[in-house]
Amino acid sequence: MKVVTALPWVEPVWQRISQQISQSRLPHAVLLSGQEGIGKRLLLREVAQLLLCHLQNSNQSLASPCGQCSSCHLFDAGSHPDLLMVEPEDAGKQIKIDQIRQVTDFANTTARQGGKKVVLLGPAEAMNINASNALLKNLEEPVADVTMLLYCHQPSALLATIRSRCQQLVLSAPDWQQGLKWLQANSEDGAVEALLRLAKGAPLKALSMAEQEANI
């Protein structure tokens, strides 16, 4: 998926991150914050794929994952050995310290594909205090060729020390008309405007609500 095509409002953040990657200036840790349901996780997944893409690693002018190399095929299959996804085991639950210990182990092993390794973690505010402190150690002592991509809905709920050790970026929600147009194009629900209001202008959250209604 080309995230900018699918979610056009993410383009400013995507352009900034992809430019940093092409110039080898992306920090070891990025924290992307913004309203829930606007595509932060999808954006960072594509950033992860770009970082791991073999063609990008040999041709840094590449603006998006090639989709053709063995790394991209593994990524699309959900089986890339150099990507670690860290999320609550169940919706609404915490990210626990044992999951962060896996991050430490992952960071200190050799990349299976011989390039970079990426950790995608979120929502970061779901970490309990022990997990937060354990992650902080990883951020304070970064491992070469390991990039931490974090997303959160409420950055104020994170330890200030975690925020300070990440490049902080904010993804803005689309304006009302852009969000409504996108939702109308992607949902057959006749009440998309009402759903978008309930979702406080977050198109992906509104789409999820429409799909849940359809399954009732």
N, C-alpha and C. Protein backbone atom coordinates (compact mmCIF):
# COMPACT_ATOMS: atom_id res chain seq x y z
N MET A 1 0.83 -1.19 0.00
CA MET A 1 0.00 0.00 0.00
C MET A 1 0.87 1.24 0.00
N LYS A 2 0.59 2.18 -0.88
CA LYS A 2 1.22 3.49 -0.81
C LYS A 2 0.34 4.35 0.08
N VAL A 3 0.83 4.59 1.27
CA VAL A 3 0.00 5.20 2.30
C VAL A 3 -0.45 6.61 1.89
N VAL A 4 0.39 7.32 1.16
CA VAL A 4 0.02 8.68 0.77
C VAL A 4 -1.15 8.66 -0.22
N THR A 5 -1.19 7.63 -1.07
CA THR A 5 -2.30 7.49 -2.00
C THR A 5 -3.58 7.12 -1.27
N ALA A 6 -3.46 6.19 -0.31
CA ALA A 6 -4.63 5.72 0.43
C ALA A 6 -5.14 6.76 1.43
N LEU A 7 -4.22 7.47 2.07
CA LEU A 7 -4.56 8.44 3.11
C LEU A 7 -3.84 9.75 2.80
N PRO A 8 -4.38 10.56 1.91
CA PRO A 8 -3.62 11.71 1.42
C PRO A 8 -3.22 12.73 2.48
N TRP A 9 -3.92 12.78 3.60
CA TRP A 9 -3.58 13.77 4.63
C TRP A 9 -2.29 13.44 5.37
N VAL A 10 -1.74 12.24 5.17
CA VAL A 10 -0.49 11.90 5.85
C VAL A 10 0.73 12.39 5.08
N GLU A 11 0.52 12.96 3.89
CA GLU A 11 1.65 13.28 3.01
C GLU A 11 2.72 14.16 3.65
N PRO A 12 2.37 15.24 4.38
CA PRO A 12 3.45 16.07 4.95
C PRO A 12 4.39 15.29 5.87
N VAL A 13 3.84 14.43 6.71
CA VAL A 13 4.68 13.65 7.62
C VAL A 13 5.46 12.60 6.83
N TRP A 14 4.80 11.95 5.87
CA TRP A 14 5.48 10.94 5.06
C TRP A 14 6.66 11.56 4.31
N GLN A 15 6.45 12.74 3.72
CA GLN A 15 7.51 13.39 2.97
C GLN A 15 8.70 13.72 3.87
N ARG A 16 8.42 14.17 5.07
CA ARG A 16 9.52 14.50 5.98
C ARG A 16 10.32 13.26 6.36
N ILE A 17 9.61 12.19 6.72
CA ILE A 17 10.32 10.98 7.14
C ILE A 17 11.06 10.35 5.97
N SER A 18 10.42 10.23 4.80
CA SER A 18 11.08 9.59 3.66
C SER A 18 12.30 10.39 3.21
N GLN A 19 12.23 11.71 3.33
CA GLN A 19 13.39 12.53 2.99
C GLN A 19 14.54 12.28 3.96
N GLN A 20 14.21 12.17 5.24
CA GLN A 20 15.25 11.87 6.23
C GLN A 20 15.88 10.51 5.95
N ILE A 21 15.07 9.53 5.56
CA ILE A 21 15.60 8.21 5.24
C ILE A 21 16.54 8.30 4.04
N SER A 22 16.11 9.00 2.99
CA SER A 22 16.93 9.10 1.78
C SER A 22 18.26 9.81 2.04
N GLN A 23 18.28 10.68 3.06
CA GLN A 23 19.49 11.42 3.40
C GLN A 23 20.24 10.78 4.58
N SER A 24 19.78 9.59 4.99
CA SER A 24 20.38 8.87 6.12
C SER A 24 20.40 9.74 7.38
N ARG A 25 19.32 10.49 7.60
CA ARG A 25 19.23 11.38 8.75
C ARG A 25 18.08 11.03 9.69
N LEU A 26 17.43 9.90 9.47
CA LEU A 26 16.34 9.53 10.37
C LEU A 26 16.91 9.13 11.72
N PRO A 27 16.43 9.74 12.82
CA PRO A 27 16.94 9.39 14.14
C PRO A 27 16.65 7.92 14.48
N HIS A 28 17.28 7.45 15.55
CA HIS A 28 17.10 6.05 15.93
C HIS A 28 15.71 5.80 16.51
N ALA A 29 15.01 6.87 16.92
CA ALA A 29 13.67 6.70 17.50
C ALA A 29 12.76 7.84 17.05
N VAL A 30 11.56 7.47 16.62
CA VAL A 30 10.55 8.43 16.17
C VAL A 30 9.28 8.19 16.97
N LEU A 31 8.67 9.27 17.44
CA LEU A 31 7.39 9.19 18.14
C LEU A 31 6.36 9.99 17.35
N LEU A 32 5.38 9.28 16.80
CA LEU A 32 4.33 9.92 16.00
C LEU A 32 3.06 9.98 16.83
N SER A 33 2.59 11.17 17.08
CA SER A 33 1.38 11.34 17.89
C SER A 33 0.27 11.96 17.05
N GLY A 34 -0.94 11.83 17.55
CA GLY A 34 -2.10 12.38 16.85
C GLY A 34 -3.35 11.66 17.29
N GLN A 35 -4.46 12.18 16.83
CA GLN A 35 -5.77 11.63 17.19
C GLN A 35 -5.88 10.16 16.78
N GLU A 36 -6.58 9.39 17.58
CA GLU A 36 -6.80 7.98 17.24
C GLU A 36 -7.67 7.87 15.99
N GLY A 37 -7.29 6.96 15.11
CA GLY A 37 -8.12 6.69 13.94
C GLY A 37 -7.83 7.53 12.72
N ILE A 38 -6.58 8.07 12.62
CA ILE A 38 -6.25 8.86 11.44
C ILE A 38 -5.11 8.26 10.62
N GLY A 39 -4.57 7.11 11.07
CA GLY A 39 -3.61 6.40 10.23
C GLY A 39 -2.17 6.40 10.69
N LYS A 40 -1.91 6.68 11.95
CA LYS A 40 -0.53 6.71 12.43
C LYS A 40 0.15 5.36 12.27
N ARG A 41 -0.55 4.30 12.66
CA ARG A 41 0.03 2.96 12.58
C ARG A 41 0.30 2.56 11.13
N LEU A 42 -0.63 2.85 10.23
CA LEU A 42 -0.44 2.53 8.83
C LEU A 42 0.75 3.28 8.24
N LEU A 43 0.88 4.54 8.62
CA LEU A 43 1.99 5.34 8.14
C LEU A 43 3.32 4.76 8.61
N LEU A 44 3.41 4.42 9.88
CA LEU A 44 4.66 3.87 10.40
C LEU A 44 4.96 2.48 9.86
N ARG A 45 3.93 1.71 9.54
CA ARG A 45 4.17 0.41 8.91
C ARG A 45 4.85 0.60 7.55
N GLU A 46 4.42 1.60 6.82
CA GLU A 46 5.05 1.83 5.52
C GLU A 46 6.46 2.39 5.69
N VAL A 47 6.67 3.21 6.72
CA VAL A 47 8.03 3.66 7.02
C VAL A 47 8.93 2.46 7.34
N ALA A 48 8.40 1.53 8.13
CA ALA A 48 9.16 0.32 8.46
C ALA A 48 9.51 -0.46 7.20
N GLN A 49 8.56 -0.59 6.29
CA GLN A 49 8.83 -1.33 5.05
C GLN A 49 9.89 -0.62 4.22
N LEU A 50 9.82 0.70 4.18
CA LEU A 50 10.82 1.46 3.42
C LEU A 50 12.22 1.28 4.02
N LEU A 51 12.30 1.29 5.34
CA LEU A 51 13.60 1.10 6.00
C LEU A 51 14.19 -0.27 5.71
N LEU A 52 13.32 -1.28 5.58
CA LEU A 52 13.78 -2.65 5.39
C LEU A 52 13.94 -3.03 3.92
N CYS A 53 13.38 -2.22 3.02
CA CYS A 53 13.40 -2.53 1.59
C CYS A 53 14.84 -2.63 1.07
N HIS A 54 15.17 -3.74 0.42
CA HIS A 54 16.52 -3.93 -0.10
C HIS A 54 16.88 -2.89 -1.15
N LEU A 55 15.92 -2.53 -2.00
CA LEU A 55 16.19 -1.57 -3.05
C LEU A 55 16.45 -0.18 -2.46
N GLN A 56 15.69 0.18 -1.41
CA GLN A 56 15.94 1.46 -0.74
C GLN A 56 17.33 1.48 -0.14
N ASN A 57 17.77 0.38 0.42
CA ASN A 57 19.08 0.34 1.05
C ASN A 57 20.22 0.44 0.04
N SER A 58 19.95 0.09 -1.22
CA SER A 58 20.98 0.21 -2.25
C SER A 58 20.80 1.46 -3.11
N ASN A 59 19.60 2.08 -3.02
CA ASN A 59 19.31 3.27 -3.82
C ASN A 59 18.49 4.22 -2.96
N GLN A 60 19.16 5.10 -2.24
CA GLN A 60 18.49 5.88 -1.21
C GLN A 60 17.61 7.00 -1.76
N SER A 61 17.49 7.09 -3.07
CA SER A 61 16.57 8.07 -3.63
C SER A 61 15.15 7.51 -3.75
N LEU A 62 14.98 6.25 -3.38
CA LEU A 62 13.67 5.60 -3.47
C LEU A 62 12.68 6.29 -2.53
N ALA A 63 11.51 6.67 -3.05
CA ALA A 63 10.55 7.44 -2.27
C ALA A 63 9.52 6.57 -1.56
N SER A 64 9.45 5.29 -1.92
CA SER A 64 8.50 4.38 -1.29
C SER A 64 9.04 2.96 -1.42
N PRO A 65 8.54 2.01 -0.63
CA PRO A 65 9.03 0.63 -0.75
C PRO A 65 8.82 0.10 -2.16
N CYS A 66 9.77 -0.69 -2.64
CA CYS A 66 9.68 -1.16 -4.03
C CYS A 66 8.56 -2.18 -4.21
N GLY A 67 8.27 -2.96 -3.16
CA GLY A 67 7.22 -3.97 -3.25
C GLY A 67 7.62 -5.22 -4.00
N GLN A 68 8.85 -5.27 -4.48
CA GLN A 68 9.27 -6.38 -5.34
C GLN A 68 10.41 -7.21 -4.76
N CYS A 69 11.21 -6.63 -3.89
CA CYS A 69 12.36 -7.37 -3.36
C CYS A 69 11.91 -8.42 -2.34
N SER A 70 12.83 -9.29 -1.97
CA SER A 70 12.49 -10.36 -1.02
C SER A 70 12.07 -9.79 0.33
N SER A 71 12.68 -8.66 0.72
CA SER A 71 12.32 -8.04 1.99
C SER A 71 10.87 -7.54 1.96
N CYS A 72 10.48 -6.91 0.86
CA CYS A 72 9.10 -6.42 0.74
C CYS A 72 8.11 -7.58 0.71
N HIS A 73 8.48 -8.68 0.05
CA HIS A 73 7.59 -9.85 0.02
C HIS A 73 7.40 -10.41 1.43
N LEU A 74 8.49 -10.49 2.20
CA LEU A 74 8.38 -10.97 3.57
C LEU A 74 7.53 -10.02 4.41
N PHE A 75 7.72 -8.73 4.19
CA PHE A 75 6.95 -7.73 4.93
C PHE A 75 5.46 -7.88 4.63
N ASP A 76 5.12 -7.98 3.35
CA ASP A 76 3.71 -8.09 2.95
C ASP A 76 3.08 -9.37 3.48
N ALA A 77 3.91 -10.40 3.64
CA ALA A 77 3.40 -11.68 4.15
C ALA A 77 3.28 -11.68 5.67
N GLY A 78 3.76 -10.61 6.31
CA GLY A 78 3.70 -10.54 7.76
C GLY A 78 4.72 -11.41 8.46
N SER A 79 5.81 -11.74 7.75
CA SER A 79 6.78 -12.67 8.32
C SER A 79 8.21 -12.14 8.22
N HIS A 80 8.36 -10.82 8.20
CA HIS A 80 9.72 -10.27 8.10
C HIS A 80 10.45 -10.48 9.42
N PRO A 81 11.61 -11.15 9.40
CA PRO A 81 12.30 -11.46 10.66
C PRO A 81 12.96 -10.25 11.31
N ASP A 82 13.10 -9.15 10.57
CA ASP A 82 13.77 -7.97 11.12
C ASP A 82 12.78 -6.86 11.49
N LEU A 83 11.51 -7.22 11.59
CA LEU A 83 10.48 -6.31 12.07
C LEU A 83 9.85 -6.91 13.32
N LEU A 84 9.80 -6.12 14.39
CA LEU A 84 9.14 -6.55 15.62
C LEU A 84 7.99 -5.61 15.91
N MET A 85 6.77 -6.15 15.94
CA MET A 85 5.58 -5.38 16.27
C MET A 85 5.29 -5.57 17.76
N VAL A 86 5.14 -4.47 18.47
CA VAL A 86 4.86 -4.53 19.91
C VAL A 86 3.57 -3.76 20.17
N GLU A 87 2.51 -4.49 20.47
CA GLU A 87 1.20 -3.90 20.71
C GLU A 87 0.52 -4.67 21.84
N PRO A 88 -0.51 -4.10 22.47
CA PRO A 88 -1.23 -4.84 23.50
C PRO A 88 -1.73 -6.17 22.96
N GLU A 89 -1.66 -7.19 23.79
CA GLU A 89 -2.11 -8.51 23.35
C GLU A 89 -3.60 -8.54 23.07
N ASP A 90 -4.36 -7.71 23.77
CA ASP A 90 -5.79 -7.55 23.52
C ASP A 90 -6.12 -6.06 23.54
N ALA A 91 -7.12 -5.68 22.78
CA ALA A 91 -7.51 -4.27 22.71
C ALA A 91 -7.81 -3.72 24.10
N GLY A 92 -7.26 -2.56 24.39
CA GLY A 92 -7.49 -1.92 25.67
C GLY A 92 -6.59 -2.40 26.79
N LYS A 93 -5.75 -3.40 26.52
CA LYS A 93 -4.84 -3.93 27.55
C LYS A 93 -3.51 -3.17 27.52
N GLN A 94 -2.65 -3.49 28.49
CA GLN A 94 -1.36 -2.84 28.60
C GLN A 94 -0.30 -3.55 27.75
N ILE A 95 0.73 -2.80 27.41
CA ILE A 95 1.97 -3.39 26.89
C ILE A 95 2.84 -3.67 28.12
N LYS A 96 3.25 -4.92 28.27
CA LYS A 96 3.90 -5.34 29.51
C LYS A 96 5.42 -5.41 29.36
N ILE A 97 6.09 -5.49 30.49
CA ILE A 97 7.55 -5.48 30.50
C ILE A 97 8.14 -6.66 29.72
N ASP A 98 7.47 -7.81 29.76
CA ASP A 98 7.99 -8.96 29.01
C ASP A 98 8.06 -8.66 27.51
N GLN A 99 7.13 -7.87 27.02
CA GLN A 99 7.15 -7.50 25.61
C GLN A 99 8.33 -6.57 25.30
N ILE A 100 8.67 -5.70 26.25
CA ILE A 100 9.81 -4.81 26.06
C ILE A 100 11.12 -5.58 26.18
N ARG A 101 11.13 -6.61 27.00
CA ARG A 101 12.33 -7.46 27.06
C ARG A 101 12.58 -8.13 25.71
N GLN A 102 11.51 -8.44 25.00
CA GLN A 102 11.66 -8.97 23.64
C GLN A 102 12.30 -7.94 22.72
N VAL A 103 11.97 -6.66 22.94
CA VAL A 103 12.58 -5.59 22.16
C VAL A 103 14.09 -5.58 22.38
N THR A 104 14.51 -5.69 23.64
CA THR A 104 15.94 -5.70 23.97
C THR A 104 16.64 -6.88 23.31
N ASP A 105 16.04 -8.05 23.40
CA ASP A 105 16.63 -9.24 22.77
C ASP A 105 16.72 -9.07 21.26
N PHE A 106 15.64 -8.55 20.67
CA PHE A 106 15.59 -8.34 19.22
C PHE A 106 16.67 -7.36 18.77
N ALA A 107 16.82 -6.27 19.53
CA ALA A 107 17.79 -5.24 19.16
C ALA A 107 19.22 -5.75 19.19
N ASN A 108 19.46 -6.73 20.04
CA ASN A 108 20.83 -7.21 20.22
C ASN A 108 21.14 -8.49 19.45
N THR A 109 20.31 -8.82 18.48
CA THR A 109 20.60 -9.95 17.59
C THR A 109 20.93 -9.41 16.21
N THR A 110 21.61 -10.23 15.42
CA THR A 110 22.02 -9.83 14.08
C THR A 110 20.81 -9.82 13.15
N ALA A 111 20.73 -8.82 12.29
CA ALA A 111 19.63 -8.74 11.32
C ALA A 111 19.65 -9.97 10.42
N ARG A 112 18.52 -10.62 10.29
CA ARG A 112 18.43 -11.84 9.49
C ARG A 112 18.60 -11.57 8.00
N GLN A 113 18.16 -10.38 7.58
CA GLN A 113 18.26 -10.01 6.17
C GLN A 113 19.51 -9.19 5.87
N GLY A 114 20.36 -9.04 6.88
CA GLY A 114 21.64 -8.38 6.66
C GLY A 114 21.60 -6.87 6.58
N GLY A 115 20.48 -6.26 6.96
CA GLY A 115 20.37 -4.80 6.89
C GLY A 115 19.91 -4.21 8.20
N LYS A 116 18.88 -3.40 8.13
CA LYS A 116 18.35 -2.75 9.32
C LYS A 116 17.34 -3.64 10.04
N LYS A 117 17.03 -3.24 11.28
CA LYS A 117 15.95 -3.85 12.04
C LYS A 117 15.03 -2.72 12.52
N VAL A 118 13.75 -3.04 12.63
CA VAL A 118 12.77 -2.02 13.00
C VAL A 118 11.85 -2.57 14.09
N VAL A 119 11.60 -1.74 15.09
CA VAL A 119 10.60 -2.02 16.11
C VAL A 119 9.46 -1.02 15.92
N LEU A 120 8.24 -1.53 15.77
CA LEU A 120 7.06 -0.66 15.66
C LEU A 120 6.21 -0.91 16.90
N LEU A 121 6.03 0.11 17.72
CA LEU A 121 5.39 -0.05 19.02
C LEU A 121 4.27 0.97 19.20
N GLY A 122 3.14 0.49 19.68
CA GLY A 122 2.06 1.42 19.98
C GLY A 122 0.76 0.72 20.37
N PRO A 123 -0.20 1.47 20.88
CA PRO A 123 0.00 2.85 21.30
C PRO A 123 0.93 2.92 22.50
N ALA A 124 1.90 3.82 22.43
CA ALA A 124 2.97 3.83 23.43
C ALA A 124 2.45 4.10 24.83
N GLU A 125 1.34 4.82 24.94
CA GLU A 125 0.81 5.11 26.27
C GLU A 125 0.19 3.88 26.92
N ALA A 126 0.10 2.77 26.16
CA ALA A 126 -0.41 1.52 26.74
C ALA A 126 0.65 0.81 27.58
N MET A 127 1.91 1.26 27.51
CA MET A 127 2.94 0.63 28.34
C MET A 127 2.70 0.92 29.81
N ASN A 128 2.82 -0.10 30.65
CA ASN A 128 2.78 0.16 32.09
C ASN A 128 4.12 0.76 32.51
N ILE A 129 4.24 1.16 33.76
CA ILE A 129 5.43 1.90 34.19
C ILE A 129 6.69 1.06 34.05
N ASN A 130 6.61 -0.23 34.35
CA ASN A 130 7.79 -1.08 34.23
C ASN A 130 8.22 -1.22 32.77
N ALA A 131 7.25 -1.36 31.89
CA ALA A 131 7.56 -1.45 30.46
C ALA A 131 8.15 -0.13 29.97
N SER A 132 7.61 0.98 30.44
CA SER A 132 8.13 2.30 30.03
C SER A 132 9.58 2.46 30.44
N ASN A 133 9.90 2.09 31.66
CA ASN A 133 11.28 2.22 32.14
C ASN A 133 12.22 1.30 31.38
N ALA A 134 11.74 0.11 31.02
CA ALA A 134 12.56 -0.82 30.26
C ALA A 134 12.81 -0.29 28.85
N LEU A 135 11.78 0.29 28.23
CA LEU A 135 11.97 0.86 26.90
C LEU A 135 12.93 2.05 26.95
N LEU A 136 12.85 2.82 28.00
CA LEU A 136 13.73 3.98 28.14
C LEU A 136 15.19 3.57 28.06
N LYS A 137 15.53 2.44 28.63
CA LYS A 137 16.93 1.96 28.57
C LYS A 137 17.33 1.69 27.13
N ASN A 138 16.40 1.15 26.33
CA ASN A 138 16.70 0.92 24.91
C ASN A 138 16.90 2.24 24.17
N LEU A 139 16.13 3.26 24.55
CA LEU A 139 16.25 4.55 23.89
C LEU A 139 17.52 5.29 24.32
N GLU A 140 17.92 5.08 25.56
CA GLU A 140 19.13 5.74 26.07
C GLU A 140 20.40 5.10 25.51
N GLU A 141 20.32 3.83 25.18
CA GLU A 141 21.49 3.11 24.65
C GLU A 141 21.13 2.47 23.31
N PRO A 142 20.90 3.30 22.28
CA PRO A 142 20.45 2.78 20.99
C PRO A 142 21.49 1.86 20.35
N VAL A 143 20.97 0.86 19.65
CA VAL A 143 21.81 -0.09 18.92
C VAL A 143 21.87 0.33 17.46
N ALA A 144 23.04 0.29 16.89
CA ALA A 144 23.20 0.68 15.49
C ALA A 144 22.29 -0.14 14.59
N ASP A 145 21.73 0.51 13.59
CA ASP A 145 20.87 -0.12 12.58
C ASP A 145 19.55 -0.64 13.14
N VAL A 146 19.16 -0.18 14.33
CA VAL A 146 17.84 -0.50 14.88
C VAL A 146 17.05 0.81 15.01
N THR A 147 15.91 0.87 14.36
CA THR A 147 15.06 2.06 14.41
C THR A 147 13.80 1.75 15.21
N MET A 148 13.49 2.61 16.16
CA MET A 148 12.28 2.47 16.97
C MET A 148 11.22 3.42 16.42
N LEU A 149 10.10 2.89 16.00
CA LEU A 149 8.98 3.69 15.51
C LEU A 149 7.83 3.54 16.50
N LEU A 150 7.52 4.62 17.21
CA LEU A 150 6.46 4.60 18.22
C LEU A 150 5.31 5.49 17.77
N TYR A 151 4.09 5.06 18.10
CA TYR A 151 2.94 5.94 17.87
C TYR A 151 2.12 6.02 19.14
N CYS A 152 1.47 7.17 19.33
CA CYS A 152 0.64 7.33 20.53
C CYS A 152 -0.51 8.28 20.23
N HIS A 153 -1.58 8.10 20.98
CA HIS A 153 -2.74 8.98 20.88
C HIS A 153 -2.66 10.12 21.91
N GLN A 154 -1.97 9.87 23.01
CA GLN A 154 -1.90 10.85 24.10
C GLN A 154 -0.45 10.97 24.57
N PRO A 155 0.36 11.78 23.92
CA PRO A 155 1.77 11.88 24.29
C PRO A 155 1.99 12.34 25.72
N SER A 156 1.04 13.11 26.28
CA SER A 156 1.19 13.57 27.66
C SER A 156 1.16 12.40 28.65
N ALA A 157 0.65 11.25 28.22
CA ALA A 157 0.59 10.07 29.09
C ALA A 157 1.91 9.30 29.11
N LEU A 158 2.87 9.72 28.28
CA LEU A 158 4.17 9.06 28.22
C LEU A 158 5.16 9.73 29.17
N LEU A 159 6.16 8.98 29.61
CA LEU A 159 7.23 9.57 30.39
C LEU A 159 7.89 10.67 29.56
N ALA A 160 8.16 11.80 30.21
CA ALA A 160 8.83 12.91 29.51
C ALA A 160 10.19 12.48 28.98
N THR A 161 10.85 11.58 29.69
CA THR A 161 12.17 11.11 29.25
C THR A 161 12.08 10.27 27.98
N ILE A 162 10.97 9.57 27.79
CA ILE A 162 10.78 8.83 26.54
C ILE A 162 10.56 9.81 25.39
N ARG A 163 9.70 10.80 25.63
CA ARG A 163 9.44 11.79 24.58
C ARG A 163 10.72 12.52 24.17
N SER A 164 11.54 12.83 25.16
CA SER A 164 12.74 13.63 24.87
C SER A 164 13.79 12.87 24.08
N ARG A 165 13.71 11.54 24.08
CA ARG A 165 14.70 10.74 23.37
C ARG A 165 14.22 10.29 21.99
N CYS A 166 13.10 10.83 21.56
CA CYS A 166 12.55 10.52 20.24
C CYS A 166 12.40 11.79 19.42
N GLN A 167 12.50 11.64 18.13
CA GLN A 167 12.06 12.73 17.26
C GLN A 167 10.53 12.74 17.31
N GLN A 168 9.96 13.84 17.74
CA GLN A 168 8.50 13.91 17.91
C GLN A 168 7.85 14.55 16.68
N LEU A 169 6.91 13.82 16.10
CA LEU A 169 6.16 14.29 14.94
C LEU A 169 4.68 14.19 15.26
N VAL A 170 3.91 15.08 14.67
CA VAL A 170 2.46 15.09 14.89
C VAL A 170 1.76 14.88 13.56
N LEU A 171 0.84 13.91 13.54
CA LEU A 171 0.01 13.69 12.36
C LEU A 171 -1.34 14.35 12.61
N SER A 172 -1.69 15.29 11.76
CA SER A 172 -2.96 16.00 11.91
C SER A 172 -4.09 15.26 11.21
N ALA A 173 -5.27 15.36 11.75
CA ALA A 173 -6.45 14.79 11.10
C ALA A 173 -6.76 15.60 9.85
N PRO A 174 -7.40 14.98 8.85
CA PRO A 174 -7.80 15.76 7.68
C PRO A 174 -8.87 16.78 8.05
N ASP A 175 -9.00 17.82 7.24
CA ASP A 175 -10.10 18.73 7.50
C ASP A 175 -11.42 18.01 7.22
N TRP A 176 -12.52 18.62 7.65
CA TRP A 176 -13.81 17.93 7.60
C TRP A 176 -14.16 17.45 6.20
N GLN A 177 -14.04 18.30 5.21
CA GLN A 177 -14.44 17.95 3.85
C GLN A 177 -13.57 16.84 3.28
N GLN A 178 -12.29 16.90 3.54
CA GLN A 178 -11.38 15.86 3.05
C GLN A 178 -11.70 14.52 3.72
N GLY A 179 -11.94 14.55 5.02
CA GLY A 179 -12.27 13.33 5.73
C GLY A 179 -13.59 12.74 5.27
N LEU A 180 -14.57 13.60 5.04
CA LEU A 180 -15.88 13.14 4.59
C LEU A 180 -15.80 12.55 3.18
N LYS A 181 -15.06 13.20 2.30
CA LYS A 181 -14.90 12.71 0.93
C LYS A 181 -14.23 11.34 0.94
N TRP A 182 -13.20 11.19 1.79
CA TRP A 182 -12.50 9.91 1.87
C TRP A 182 -13.44 8.82 2.38
N LEU A 183 -14.21 9.15 3.40
CA LEU A 183 -15.11 8.16 4.00
C LEU A 183 -16.20 7.75 3.02
N GLN A 184 -16.73 8.69 2.28
CA GLN A 184 -17.76 8.38 1.28
C GLN A 184 -17.21 7.45 0.19
N ALA A 185 -15.93 7.62 -0.13
CA ALA A 185 -15.31 6.78 -1.17
C ALA A 185 -14.97 5.39 -0.67
N ASN A 186 -14.88 5.23 0.65
CA ASN A 186 -14.41 3.96 1.21
C ASN A 186 -15.46 3.21 2.02
N SER A 187 -16.67 3.75 2.12
CA SER A 187 -17.72 3.09 2.88
C SER A 187 -19.04 3.17 2.13
N GLU A 188 -19.82 2.09 2.23
CA GLU A 188 -21.15 2.08 1.61
C GLU A 188 -22.23 2.48 2.60
N ASP A 189 -21.82 2.79 3.82
CA ASP A 189 -22.79 3.20 4.84
C ASP A 189 -23.41 4.54 4.44
N GLY A 190 -24.70 4.66 4.56
CA GLY A 190 -25.38 5.88 4.18
C GLY A 190 -25.31 6.99 5.21
N ALA A 191 -24.78 6.68 6.37
CA ALA A 191 -24.74 7.68 7.45
C ALA A 191 -23.30 8.07 7.79
N VAL A 192 -22.46 8.18 6.76
CA VAL A 192 -21.04 8.42 7.02
C VAL A 192 -20.80 9.76 7.71
N GLU A 193 -21.60 10.76 7.39
CA GLU A 193 -21.39 12.07 8.01
C GLU A 193 -21.63 11.99 9.51
N ALA A 194 -22.67 11.29 9.91
CA ALA A 194 -22.95 11.13 11.34
C ALA A 194 -21.85 10.33 12.02
N LEU A 195 -21.36 9.30 11.33
CA LEU A 195 -20.29 8.49 11.90
C LEU A 195 -19.01 9.30 12.06
N LEU A 196 -18.73 10.15 11.07
CA LEU A 196 -17.53 10.97 11.15
C LEU A 196 -17.62 11.95 12.33
N ARG A 197 -18.82 12.46 12.59
CA ARG A 197 -18.99 13.32 13.75
C ARG A 197 -18.75 12.55 15.05
N LEU A 198 -19.31 11.33 15.11
CA LEU A 198 -19.11 10.51 16.31
C LEU A 198 -17.64 10.18 16.51
N ALA A 199 -16.92 10.05 15.40
CA ALA A 199 -15.50 9.72 15.46
C ALA A 199 -14.64 10.97 15.61
N LYS A 200 -15.27 12.11 15.81
CA LYS A 200 -14.57 13.39 16.01
C LYS A 200 -13.63 13.71 14.85
N GLY A 201 -14.09 13.38 13.64
CA GLY A 201 -13.34 13.73 12.45
C GLY A 201 -12.25 12.76 12.06
N ALA A 202 -12.16 11.60 12.73
CA ALA A 202 -11.13 10.61 12.42
C ALA A 202 -11.69 9.59 11.42
N PRO A 203 -11.27 9.65 10.16
CA PRO A 203 -11.91 8.82 9.12
C PRO A 203 -11.78 7.31 9.33
N LEU A 204 -10.60 6.84 9.75
CA LEU A 204 -10.44 5.40 9.92
C LEU A 204 -11.26 4.88 11.09
N LYS A 205 -11.40 5.70 12.12
CA LYS A 205 -12.24 5.30 13.25
C LYS A 205 -13.70 5.24 12.81
N ALA A 206 -14.13 6.21 12.00
CA ALA A 206 -15.50 6.21 11.48
C ALA A 206 -15.74 5.00 10.59
N LEU A 207 -14.74 4.64 9.77
CA LEU A 207 -14.87 3.47 8.91
C LEU A 207 -15.00 2.20 9.73
N SER A 208 -14.22 2.10 10.79
CA SER A 208 -14.32 0.94 11.68
C SER A 208 -15.71 0.85 12.31
N MET A 209 -16.25 1.99 12.70
CA MET A 209 -17.60 2.02 13.28
C MET A 209 -18.63 1.56 12.27
N ALA A 210 -18.48 1.99 11.02
CA ALA A 210 -19.42 1.58 9.96
C ALA A 210 -19.35 0.08 9.73
N GLU A 211 -18.14 -0.48 9.75
CA GLU A 211 -17.96 -1.91 9.53
C GLU A 211 -18.55 -2.72 10.69
N GLN A 212 -18.41 -2.19 11.89
CA GLN A 212 -18.98 -2.88 13.05
C GLN A 212 -20.50 -2.89 12.97
N GLU A 213 -21.09 -1.79 12.54
CA GLU A 213 -22.54 -1.73 12.37
C GLU A 213 -23.01 -2.72 11.32
N ALA A 214 -22.21 -2.86 10.26
CA ALA A 214 -22.59 -3.77 9.18
C ALA A 214 -22.59 -5.23 9.62
N ASN A 215 -21.82 -5.53 10.68
CA ASN A 215 -21.71 -6.91 11.14
C ASN A 215 -22.69 -7.24 12.25
N ILE A 216 -23.47 -6.25 12.67
CA ILE A 216 -24.45 -6.52 13.74
C ILE A 216 -25.61 -7.36 13.21
